[in-house]
């Protein structure tokens, strides 16, 4: 999940979600293993110019750490979205397996 998706799910501005992540990263000790991978969304502008907008790619563990600082309703929204993503992944795996078995 991305910080952009977290902002959409929670109704927070993306800049506030980014701030929350930066605060977490400043507080975390090295020994704790979290990813919070910084990425850039590139938008093409006129005259061969482009704009690079930062966002974070978060693992489930990263999302849960971030959500732990939010109120219960926002935490629930993030957790529910992760459950949807995991169920979609399981369903895709079942369909793929069924397809492969039908080709044998």
PDB file of N, CA and C in Angstrom:
ATOM      1  N   UNK A   1       0.857  -1.161   0.000  1.00  0.00           N
ATOM      2  CA  UNK A   1       0.000   0.000   0.000  1.00  0.00           C
ATOM      3  C   UNK A   1       0.910   1.233   0.000  1.00  0.00           C
ATOM      4  N   UNK A   2       0.431   2.319  -0.568  1.00  0.00           N
ATOM      5  CA  UNK A   2       1.245   3.533  -0.618  1.00  0.00           C
ATOM      6  C   UNK A   2       0.709   4.588   0.347  1.00  0.00           C
ATOM      7  N   UNK A   3       1.549   5.577   0.599  1.00  0.00           N
ATOM      8  CA  UNK A   3       1.111   6.695   1.441  1.00  0.00           C
ATOM      9  C   UNK A   3      -0.044   7.440   0.773  1.00  0.00           C
ATOM     10  N   UNK A   4      -0.095   7.437  -0.551  1.00  0.00           N
ATOM     11  CA  UNK A   4      -1.212   8.061  -1.274  1.00  0.00           C
ATOM     12  C   UNK A   4      -2.515   7.329  -0.972  1.00  0.00           C
ATOM     13  N   UNK A   5      -2.450   5.996  -0.959  1.00  0.00           N
ATOM     14  CA  UNK A   5      -3.637   5.197  -0.648  1.00  0.00           C
ATOM     15  C   UNK A   5      -4.062   5.386   0.805  1.00  0.00           C
ATOM     16  N   UNK A   6      -3.094   5.466   1.703  1.00  0.00           N
ATOM     17  CA  UNK A   6      -3.403   5.708   3.120  1.00  0.00           C
ATOM     18  C   UNK A   6      -4.141   7.039   3.258  1.00  0.00           C
ATOM     19  N   UNK A   7      -3.666   8.059   2.562  1.00  0.00           N
ATOM     20  CA  UNK A   7      -4.319   9.369   2.617  1.00  0.00           C
ATOM     21  C   UNK A   7      -5.756   9.269   2.115  1.00  0.00           C
ATOM     22  N   UNK A   8      -5.947   8.552   1.024  1.00  0.00           N
ATOM     23  CA  UNK A   8      -7.295   8.404   0.463  1.00  0.00           C
ATOM     24  C   UNK A   8      -8.220   7.653   1.419  1.00  0.00           C
ATOM     25  N   UNK A   9      -7.729   6.570   1.993  1.00  0.00           N
ATOM     26  CA  UNK A   9      -8.536   5.745   2.899  1.00  0.00           C
ATOM     27  C   UNK A   9      -8.921   6.510   4.165  1.00  0.00           C
ATOM     28  N   UNK A  10      -7.968   7.245   4.712  1.00  0.00           N
ATOM     29  CA  UNK A  10      -8.189   7.907   6.002  1.00  0.00           C
ATOM     30  C   UNK A  10      -8.802   9.300   5.886  1.00  0.00           C
ATOM     31  N   UNK A  11      -8.761   9.876   4.686  1.00  0.00           N
ATOM     32  CA  UNK A  11      -9.251  11.241   4.524  1.00  0.00           C
ATOM     33  C   UNK A  11      -8.246  12.287   4.980  1.00  0.00           C
ATOM     34  N   UNK A  12      -7.022  11.838   5.300  1.00  0.00           N
ATOM     35  CA  UNK A  12      -5.963  12.780   5.674  1.00  0.00           C
ATOM     36  C   UNK A  12      -5.331  13.331   4.393  1.00  0.00           C
ATOM     37  N   UNK A  13      -4.708  14.480   4.475  1.00  0.00           N
ATOM     38  CA  UNK A  13      -3.971  14.973   3.313  1.00  0.00           C
ATOM     39  C   UNK A  13      -2.705  14.135   3.165  1.00  0.00           C
ATOM     40  N   UNK A  14      -2.236  14.017   1.927  1.00  0.00           N
ATOM     41  CA  UNK A  14      -1.023  13.230   1.709  1.00  0.00           C
ATOM     42  C   UNK A  14       0.165  13.855   2.437  1.00  0.00           C
ATOM     43  N   UNK A  15       0.212  15.174   2.478  1.00  0.00           N
ATOM     44  CA  UNK A  15       1.328  15.827   3.180  1.00  0.00           C
ATOM     45  C   UNK A  15       1.326  15.467   4.668  1.00  0.00           C
ATOM     46  N   UNK A  16       0.152  15.305   5.267  1.00  0.00           N
ATOM     47  CA  UNK A  16       0.094  14.907   6.679  1.00  0.00           C
ATOM     48  C   UNK A  16       0.514  13.455   6.874  1.00  0.00           C
ATOM     49  N   UNK A  17       0.132  12.585   5.948  1.00  0.00           N
ATOM     50  CA  UNK A  17       0.566  11.185   6.034  1.00  0.00           C
ATOM     51  C   UNK A  17       2.088  11.114   5.889  1.00  0.00           C
ATOM     52  N   UNK A  18       2.640  11.875   4.944  1.00  0.00           N
ATOM     53  CA  UNK A  18       4.096  11.906   4.764  1.00  0.00           C
ATOM     54  C   UNK A  18       4.772  12.415   6.040  1.00  0.00           C
ATOM     55  N   UNK A  19       4.205  13.440   6.648  1.00  0.00           N
ATOM     56  CA  UNK A  19       4.750  13.981   7.904  1.00  0.00           C
ATOM     57  C   UNK A  19       4.739  12.912   8.992  1.00  0.00           C
ATOM     58  N   UNK A  20       3.621  12.174   9.087  1.00  0.00           N
ATOM     59  CA  UNK A  20       3.507  11.121  10.093  1.00  0.00           C
ATOM     60  C   UNK A  20       4.578  10.053   9.887  1.00  0.00           C
ATOM     61  N   UNK A  21       4.815   9.690   8.640  1.00  0.00           N
ATOM     62  CA  UNK A  21       5.839   8.679   8.340  1.00  0.00           C
ATOM     63  C   UNK A  21       7.224   9.211   8.689  1.00  0.00           C
ATOM     64  N   UNK A  22       7.512  10.445   8.313  1.00  0.00           N
ATOM     65  CA  UNK A  22       8.821  11.024   8.648  1.00  0.00           C
ATOM     66  C   UNK A  22       9.032  11.060  10.158  1.00  0.00           C
ATOM     67  N   UNK A  23       7.987  11.384  10.908  1.00  0.00           N
ATOM     68  CA  UNK A  23       8.091  11.388  12.376  1.00  0.00           C
ATOM     69  C   UNK A  23       8.417   9.998  12.903  1.00  0.00           C
ATOM     70  N   UNK A  24       7.769   8.989  12.346  1.00  0.00           N
ATOM     71  CA  UNK A  24       8.050   7.604  12.755  1.00  0.00           C
ATOM     72  C   UNK A  24       9.500   7.262  12.453  1.00  0.00           C
ATOM     73  N   UNK A  25       9.955   7.594  11.244  1.00  0.00           N
ATOM     74  CA  UNK A  25      11.325   7.257  10.850  1.00  0.00           C
ATOM     75  C   UNK A  25      12.355   7.951  11.737  1.00  0.00           C
ATOM     76  N   UNK A  26      12.060   9.167  12.175  1.00  0.00           N
ATOM     77  CA  UNK A  26      12.971   9.881  13.076  1.00  0.00           C
ATOM     78  C   UNK A  26      13.044   9.212  14.445  1.00  0.00           C
ATOM     79  N   UNK A  27      11.937   8.619  14.887  1.00  0.00           N
ATOM     80  CA  UNK A  27      11.868   8.020  16.215  1.00  0.00           C
ATOM     81  C   UNK A  27      12.367   6.577  16.256  1.00  0.00           C
ATOM     82  N   UNK A  28      12.285   5.870  15.132  1.00  0.00           N
ATOM     83  CA  UNK A  28      12.621   4.443  15.127  1.00  0.00           C
ATOM     84  C   UNK A  28      14.098   4.199  15.379  1.00  0.00           C
ATOM     85  N   UNK A  29      14.379   3.222  16.187  1.00  0.00           N
ATOM     86  CA  UNK A  29      15.755   2.793  16.392  1.00  0.00           C
ATOM     87  C   UNK A  29      16.145   1.877  15.240  1.00  0.00           C
ATOM     88  N   UNK A  30      17.423   1.840  14.924  1.00  0.00           N
ATOM     89  CA  UNK A  30      17.949   1.045  13.815  1.00  0.00           C
ATOM     90  C   UNK A  30      17.554  -0.424  13.903  1.00  0.00           C
ATOM     91  N   UNK A  31      17.483  -0.957  15.113  1.00  0.00           N
ATOM     92  CA  UNK A  31      17.253  -2.394  15.286  1.00  0.00           C
ATOM     93  C   UNK A  31      15.866  -2.840  14.828  1.00  0.00           C
ATOM     94  N   UNK A  32      14.942  -1.902  14.735  1.00  0.00           N
ATOM     95  CA  UNK A  32      13.591  -2.251  14.298  1.00  0.00           C
ATOM     96  C   UNK A  32      13.558  -2.272  12.777  1.00  0.00           C
ATOM     97  N   UNK A  33      13.076  -3.366  12.230  1.00  0.00           N
ATOM     98  CA  UNK A  33      13.111  -3.560  10.781  1.00  0.00           C
ATOM     99  C   UNK A  33      11.793  -3.134  10.136  1.00  0.00           C
ATOM    100  N   UNK A  34      11.796  -1.960   9.550  1.00  0.00           N
ATOM    101  CA  UNK A  34      10.659  -1.456   8.786  1.00  0.00           C
ATOM    102  C   UNK A  34      11.195  -0.953   7.456  1.00  0.00           C
ATOM    103  N   UNK A  35      10.358  -0.987   6.424  1.00  0.00           N
ATOM    104  CA  UNK A  35      10.829  -0.636   5.085  1.00  0.00           C
ATOM    105  C   UNK A  35      10.569   0.821   4.710  1.00  0.00           C
ATOM    106  N   UNK A  36       9.329   1.260   4.732  1.00  0.00           N
ATOM    107  CA  UNK A  36       8.969   2.626   4.347  1.00  0.00           C
ATOM    108  C   UNK A  36       9.808   3.096   3.150  1.00  0.00           C
ATOM    109  N   UNK A  37       9.627   2.441   2.023  1.00  0.00           N
ATOM    110  CA  UNK A  37      10.438   2.722   0.836  1.00  0.00           C
ATOM    111  C   UNK A  37       9.976   4.015   0.156  1.00  0.00           C
ATOM    112  N   UNK A  38      10.889   4.974   0.047  1.00  0.00           N
ATOM    113  CA  UNK A  38      10.576   6.251  -0.587  1.00  0.00           C
ATOM    114  C   UNK A  38      10.590   6.081  -2.104  1.00  0.00           C
ATOM    115  N   UNK A  39       9.504   6.513  -2.744  1.00  0.00           N
ATOM    116  CA  UNK A  39       9.355   6.408  -4.192  1.00  0.00           C
ATOM    117  C   UNK A  39       9.011   7.805  -4.723  1.00  0.00           C
ATOM    118  N   UNK A  40       8.981   7.915  -6.052  1.00  0.00           N
ATOM    119  CA  UNK A  40       8.600   9.182  -6.670  1.00  0.00           C
ATOM    120  C   UNK A  40       7.636   8.932  -7.811  1.00  0.00           C
ATOM    121  N   UNK A  41       6.540   9.663  -7.790  1.00  0.00           N
ATOM    122  CA  UNK A  41       5.564   9.632  -8.878  1.00  0.00           C
ATOM    123  C   UNK A  41       5.978  10.730  -9.849  1.00  0.00           C
ATOM    124  N   UNK A  42       6.265  10.337 -11.091  1.00  0.00           N
ATOM    125  CA  UNK A  42       6.733  11.302 -12.081  1.00  0.00           C
ATOM    126  C   UNK A  42       5.562  11.727 -12.959  1.00  0.00           C
ATOM    127  N   UNK A  43       5.343  13.025 -13.014  1.00  0.00           N
ATOM    128  CA  UNK A  43       4.276  13.597 -13.833  1.00  0.00           C
ATOM    129  C   UNK A  43       4.916  14.398 -14.955  1.00  0.00           C
ATOM    130  N   UNK A  44       4.546  14.055 -16.181  1.00  0.00           N
ATOM    131  CA  UNK A  44       5.068  14.777 -17.341  1.00  0.00           C
ATOM    132  C   UNK A  44       4.355  16.119 -17.461  1.00  0.00           C
ATOM    133  N   UNK A  45       5.144  17.166 -17.622  1.00  0.00           N
ATOM    134  CA  UNK A  45       4.620  18.510 -17.810  1.00  0.00           C
ATOM    135  C   UNK A  45       4.966  18.952 -19.233  1.00  0.00           C
ATOM    136  N   UNK A  46       4.580  20.115 -19.612  1.00  0.00           N
ATOM    137  CA  UNK A  46       4.911  20.618 -20.944  1.00  0.00           C
ATOM    138  C   UNK A  46       6.397  20.874 -21.105  1.00  0.00           C
ATOM    139  N   UNK A  47       6.841  21.011 -22.365  1.00  0.00           N
ATOM    140  CA  UNK A  47       8.240  21.336 -22.697  1.00  0.00           C
ATOM    141  C   UNK A  47       9.241  20.348 -22.114  1.00  0.00           C
ATOM    142  N   UNK A  48       8.918  19.063 -22.152  1.00  0.00           N
ATOM    143  CA  UNK A  48       9.797  17.994 -21.656  1.00  0.00           C
ATOM    144  C   UNK A  48      10.136  18.108 -20.176  1.00  0.00           C
ATOM    145  N   UNK A  49       9.400  18.896 -19.451  1.00  0.00           N
ATOM    146  CA  UNK A  49       9.627  19.018 -18.006  1.00  0.00           C
ATOM    147  C   UNK A  49       8.841  17.924 -17.287  1.00  0.00           C
ATOM    148  N   UNK A  50       9.281  17.613 -16.093  1.00  0.00           N
ATOM    149  CA  UNK A  50       8.564  16.637 -15.276  1.00  0.00           C
ATOM    150  C   UNK A  50       8.627  17.047 -13.813  1.00  0.00           C
ATOM    151  N   UNK A  51       7.639  16.563 -13.080  1.00  0.00           N
ATOM    152  CA  UNK A  51       7.581  16.839 -11.641  1.00  0.00           C
ATOM    153  C   UNK A  51       7.672  15.508 -10.912  1.00  0.00           C
ATOM    154  N   UNK A  52       8.498  15.466  -9.875  1.00  0.00           N
ATOM    155  CA  UNK A  52       8.655  14.256  -9.075  1.00  0.00           C
ATOM    156  C   UNK A  52       8.002  14.478  -7.718  1.00  0.00           C
ATOM    157  N   UNK A  53       6.923  13.747  -7.470  1.00  0.00           N
ATOM    158  CA  UNK A  53       6.215  13.855  -6.199  1.00  0.00           C
ATOM    159  C   UNK A  53       6.546  12.640  -5.335  1.00  0.00           C
ATOM    160  N   UNK A  54       7.067  12.858  -4.130  1.00  0.00           N
ATOM    161  CA  UNK A  54       7.438  11.731  -3.273  1.00  0.00           C
ATOM    162  C   UNK A  54       6.218  11.052  -2.652  1.00  0.00           C
ATOM    163  N   UNK A  55       6.363   9.756  -2.446  1.00  0.00           N
ATOM    164  CA  UNK A  55       5.383   8.978  -1.684  1.00  0.00           C
ATOM    165  C   UNK A  55       6.124   7.780  -1.113  1.00  0.00           C
ATOM    166  N   UNK A  56       5.513   7.115  -0.161  1.00  0.00           N
ATOM    167  CA  UNK A  56       6.125   5.933   0.434  1.00  0.00           C
ATOM    168  C   UNK A  56       5.355   4.689   0.033  1.00  0.00           C
ATOM    169  N   UNK A  57       6.093   3.614  -0.203  1.00  0.00           N
ATOM    170  CA  UNK A  57       5.528   2.288  -0.398  1.00  0.00           C
ATOM    171  C   UNK A  57       5.674   1.576   0.939  1.00  0.00           C
ATOM    172  N   UNK A  58       4.542   1.111   1.488  1.00  0.00           N
ATOM    173  CA  UNK A  58       4.543   0.532   2.827  1.00  0.00           C
ATOM    174  C   UNK A  58       4.169  -0.943   2.795  1.00  0.00           C
ATOM    175  N   UNK A  59       4.852  -1.721   3.595  1.00  0.00           N
ATOM    176  CA  UNK A  59       4.462  -3.107   3.816  1.00  0.00           C
ATOM    177  C   UNK A  59       3.290  -3.112   4.797  1.00  0.00           C
ATOM    178  N   UNK A  60       2.722  -4.274   5.010  1.00  0.00           N
ATOM    179  CA  UNK A  60       1.640  -4.373   5.990  1.00  0.00           C
ATOM    180  C   UNK A  60       2.143  -3.942   7.368  1.00  0.00           C
ATOM    181  N   UNK A  61       3.332  -4.389   7.720  1.00  0.00           N
ATOM    182  CA  UNK A  61       3.918  -4.044   9.019  1.00  0.00           C
ATOM    183  C   UNK A  61       4.094  -2.525   9.146  1.00  0.00           C
ATOM    184  N   UNK A  62       4.565  -1.883   8.070  1.00  0.00           N
ATOM    185  CA  UNK A  62       4.717  -0.427   8.068  1.00  0.00           C
ATOM    186  C   UNK A  62       3.370   0.258   8.289  1.00  0.00           C
ATOM    187  N   UNK A  63       2.352  -0.231   7.576  1.00  0.00           N
ATOM    188  CA  UNK A  63       1.006   0.356   7.687  1.00  0.00           C
ATOM    189  C   UNK A  63       0.459   0.235   9.097  1.00  0.00           C
ATOM    190  N   UNK A  64       0.669  -0.919   9.706  1.00  0.00           N
ATOM    191  CA  UNK A  64       0.156  -1.116  11.060  1.00  0.00           C
ATOM    192  C   UNK A  64       0.866  -0.204  12.057  1.00  0.00           C
ATOM    193  N   UNK A  65       2.168  -0.005  11.864  1.00  0.00           N
ATOM    194  CA  UNK A  65       2.898   0.924  12.732  1.00  0.00           C
ATOM    195  C   UNK A  65       2.362   2.344  12.550  1.00  0.00           C
ATOM    196  N   UNK A  66       2.171   2.757  11.318  1.00  0.00           N
ATOM    197  CA  UNK A  66       1.626   4.084  11.042  1.00  0.00           C
ATOM    198  C   UNK A  66       0.224   4.229  11.629  1.00  0.00           C
ATOM    199  N   UNK A  67      -0.610   3.231  11.393  1.00  0.00           N
ATOM    200  CA  UNK A  67      -2.006   3.281  11.847  1.00  0.00           C
ATOM    201  C   UNK A  67      -2.119   3.299  13.366  1.00  0.00           C
ATOM    202  N   UNK A  68      -1.132   2.745  14.053  1.00  0.00           N
ATOM    203  CA  UNK A  68      -1.210   2.692  15.516  1.00  0.00           C
ATOM    204  C   UNK A  68      -1.255   4.085  16.131  1.00  0.00           C
ATOM    205  N   UNK A  69      -0.827   5.090  15.379  1.00  0.00           N
ATOM    206  CA  UNK A  69      -0.881   6.461  15.875  1.00  0.00           C
ATOM    207  C   UNK A  69      -2.170   7.182  15.524  1.00  0.00           C
ATOM    208  N   UNK A  70      -3.030   6.515  14.762  1.00  0.00           N
ATOM    209  CA  UNK A  70      -4.289   7.131  14.334  1.00  0.00           C
ATOM    210  C   UNK A  70      -5.424   6.684  15.241  1.00  0.00           C
ATOM    211  N   UNK A  71      -6.564   7.360  15.143  1.00  0.00           N
ATOM    212  CA  UNK A  71      -7.697   6.964  15.981  1.00  0.00           C
ATOM    213  C   UNK A  71      -8.263   5.621  15.508  1.00  0.00           C
ATOM    214  N   UNK A  72      -9.112   5.034  16.311  1.00  0.00           N
ATOM    215  CA  UNK A  72      -9.606   3.668  16.069  1.00  0.00           C
ATOM    216  C   UNK A  72     -10.300   3.524  14.722  1.00  0.00           C
ATOM    217  N   UNK A  73     -11.075   4.512  14.305  1.00  0.00           N
ATOM    218  CA  UNK A  73     -11.779   4.413  13.028  1.00  0.00           C
ATOM    219  C   UNK A  73     -10.816   4.409  11.846  1.00  0.00           C
ATOM    220  N   UNK A  74      -9.783   5.237  11.900  1.00  0.00           N
ATOM    221  CA  UNK A  74      -8.794   5.253  10.823  1.00  0.00           C
ATOM    222  C   UNK A  74      -7.988   3.961  10.811  1.00  0.00           C
ATOM    223  N   UNK A  75      -7.631   3.460  11.991  1.00  0.00           N
ATOM    224  CA  UNK A  75      -6.925   2.169  12.068  1.00  0.00           C
ATOM    225  C   UNK A  75      -7.767   1.085  11.432  1.00  0.00           C
ATOM    226  N   UNK A  76      -9.059   1.070  11.753  1.00  0.00           N
ATOM    227  CA  UNK A  76      -9.962   0.044  11.217  1.00  0.00           C
ATOM    228  C   UNK A  76     -10.023   0.110   9.697  1.00  0.00           C
ATOM    229  N   UNK A  77     -10.068   1.306   9.130  1.00  0.00           N
ATOM    230  CA  UNK A  77     -10.112   1.445   7.672  1.00  0.00           C
ATOM    231  C   UNK A  77      -8.862   0.862   7.022  1.00  0.00           C
ATOM    232  N   UNK A  78      -7.710   1.132   7.611  1.00  0.00           N
ATOM    233  CA  UNK A  78      -6.450   0.625   7.058  1.00  0.00           C
ATOM    234  C   UNK A  78      -6.390  -0.892   7.182  1.00  0.00           C
ATOM    235  N   UNK A  79      -6.761  -1.416   8.327  1.00  0.00           N
ATOM    236  CA  UNK A  79      -6.749  -2.869   8.539  1.00  0.00           C
ATOM    237  C   UNK A  79      -7.732  -3.555   7.606  1.00  0.00           C
ATOM    238  N   UNK A  80      -8.925  -2.992   7.431  1.00  0.00           N
ATOM    239  CA  UNK A  80      -9.904  -3.574   6.506  1.00  0.00           C
ATOM    240  C   UNK A  80      -9.381  -3.586   5.079  1.00  0.00           C
ATOM    241  N   UNK A  81      -8.688  -2.532   4.679  1.00  0.00           N
ATOM    242  CA  UNK A  81      -8.136  -2.495   3.318  1.00  0.00           C
ATOM    243  C   UNK A  81      -7.073  -3.569   3.147  1.00  0.00           C
ATOM    244  N   UNK A  82      -6.231  -3.783   4.151  1.00  0.00           N
ATOM    245  CA  UNK A  82      -5.225  -4.842   4.058  1.00  0.00           C
ATOM    246  C   UNK A  82      -5.890  -6.205   3.935  1.00  0.00           C
ATOM    247  N   UNK A  83      -6.969  -6.424   4.667  1.00  0.00           N
ATOM    248  CA  UNK A  83      -7.688  -7.696   4.557  1.00  0.00           C
ATOM    249  C   UNK A  83      -8.224  -7.885   3.143  1.00  0.00           C
ATOM    250  N   UNK A  84      -8.750  -6.816   2.532  1.00  0.00           N
ATOM    251  CA  UNK A  84      -9.231  -6.895   1.149  1.00  0.00           C
ATOM    252  C   UNK A  84      -8.094  -7.247   0.197  1.00  0.00           C
ATOM    253  N   UNK A  85      -6.958  -6.584   0.353  1.00  0.00           N
ATOM    254  CA  UNK A  85      -5.811  -6.850  -0.515  1.00  0.00           C
ATOM    255  C   UNK A  85      -5.342  -8.293  -0.385  1.00  0.00           C
ATOM    256  N   UNK A  86      -5.280  -8.789   0.842  1.00  0.00           N
ATOM    257  CA  UNK A  86      -4.837 -10.171   1.054  1.00  0.00           C
ATOM    258  C   UNK A  86      -5.841 -11.168   0.499  1.00  0.00           C
ATOM    259  N   UNK A  87      -7.130 -10.902   0.638  1.00  0.00           N
ATOM    260  CA  UNK A  87      -8.153 -11.796   0.091  1.00  0.00           C
ATOM    261  C   UNK A  87      -8.093 -11.799  -1.433  1.00  0.00           C
ATOM    262  N   UNK A  88      -7.892 -10.641  -2.043  1.00  0.00           N
ATOM    263  CA  UNK A  88      -7.751 -10.576  -3.498  1.00  0.00           C
ATOM    264  C   UNK A  88      -6.557 -11.395  -3.967  1.00  0.00           C
ATOM    265  N   UNK A  89      -5.475 -11.338  -3.224  1.00  0.00           N
ATOM    266  CA  UNK A  89      -4.276 -12.104  -3.570  1.00  0.00           C
ATOM    267  C   UNK A  89      -4.546 -13.604  -3.457  1.00  0.00           C
ATOM    268  N   UNK A  90      -5.247 -14.022  -2.395  1.00  0.00           N
ATOM    269  CA  UNK A  90      -5.585 -15.440  -2.231  1.00  0.00           C
ATOM    270  C   UNK A  90      -6.504 -15.913  -3.356  1.00  0.00           C
ATOM    271  N   UNK A  91      -7.481 -15.096  -3.708  1.00  0.00           N
ATOM    272  CA  UNK A  91      -8.425 -15.451  -4.772  1.00  0.00           C
ATOM    273  C   UNK A  91      -7.700 -15.587  -6.107  1.00  0.00           C
ATOM    274  N   UNK A  92      -6.793 -14.694  -6.395  1.00  0.00           N
ATOM    275  CA  UNK A  92      -6.009 -14.770  -7.625  1.00  0.00           C
ATOM    276  C   UNK A  92      -5.175 -16.044  -7.648  1.00  0.00           C
ATOM    277  N   UNK A  93      -4.592 -16.387  -6.516  1.00  0.00           N
ATOM    278  CA  UNK A  93      -3.796 -17.608  -6.416  1.00  0.00           C
ATOM    279  C   UNK A  93      -4.665 -18.840  -6.655  1.00  0.00           C
ATOM    280  N   UNK A  94      -5.870 -18.869  -6.085  1.00  0.00           N
ATOM    281  CA  UNK A  94      -6.786 -19.998  -6.301  1.00  0.00           C
ATOM    282  C   UNK A  94      -7.167 -20.118  -7.771  1.00  0.00           C
ATOM    283  N   UNK A  95      -7.462 -18.994  -8.405  1.00  0.00           N
ATOM    284  CA  UNK A  95      -7.838 -19.010  -9.821  1.00  0.00           C
ATOM    285  C   UNK A  95      -6.679 -19.484 -10.691  1.00  0.00           C
ATOM    286  N   UNK A  96      -5.493 -19.031 -10.381  1.00  0.00           N
ATOM    287  CA  UNK A  96      -4.305 -19.432 -11.140  1.00  0.00           C
ATOM    288  C   UNK A  96      -4.079 -20.936 -11.004  1.00  0.00           C
ATOM    289  N   UNK A  97      -4.204 -21.432  -9.772  1.00  0.00           N
ATOM    290  CA  UNK A  97      -4.018 -22.859  -9.525  1.00  0.00           C
ATOM    291  C   UNK A  97      -5.061 -23.675 -10.284  1.00  0.00           C
ATOM    292  N   UNK A  98      -6.305 -23.239 -10.237  1.00  0.00           N
ATOM    293  CA  UNK A  98      -7.394 -23.928 -10.937  1.00  0.00           C
ATOM    294  C   UNK A  98      -7.140 -23.941 -12.445  1.00  0.00           C
ATOM    295  N   UNK A  99      -6.686 -22.821 -12.987  1.00  0.00           N
ATOM    296  CA  UNK A  99      -6.388 -22.731 -14.411  1.00  0.00           C
ATOM    297  C   UNK A  99      -5.268 -23.691 -14.794  1.00  0.00           C
ATOM    298  N   UNK A 100      -4.202 -23.705 -14.008  1.00  0.00           N
ATOM    299  CA  UNK A 100      -3.069 -24.588 -14.312  1.00  0.00           C
ATOM    300  C   UNK A 100      -3.475 -26.057 -14.246  1.00  0.00           C
ATOM    301  N   UNK A 101      -4.301 -26.408 -13.275  1.00  0.00           N
ATOM    302  CA  UNK A 101      -4.767 -27.794 -13.171  1.00  0.00           C
ATOM    303  C   UNK A 101      -5.640 -28.171 -14.361  1.00  0.00           C
ATOM    304  N   UNK A 102      -6.400 -27.242 -14.883  1.00  0.00           N
ATOM    305  CA  UNK A 102      -7.265 -27.536 -16.028  1.00  0.00           C
ATOM    306  C   UNK A 102      -6.464 -27.761 -17.301  1.00  0.00           C
ATOM    307  N   UNK A 103      -5.227 -27.316 -17.345  1.00  0.00           N
ATOM    308  CA  UNK A 103      -4.373 -27.467 -18.526  1.00  0.00           C
ATOM    309  C   UNK A 103      -3.561 -28.754 -18.495  1.00  0.00           C
ATOM    310  N   UNK A 104      -3.663 -29.512 -17.415  1.00  0.00           N
ATOM    311  CA  UNK A 104      -2.887 -30.761 -17.299  1.00  0.00           C
ATOM    312  C   UNK A 104      -3.610 -31.906 -17.949  1.00  0.00           C
TER     313      UNK A 104
END
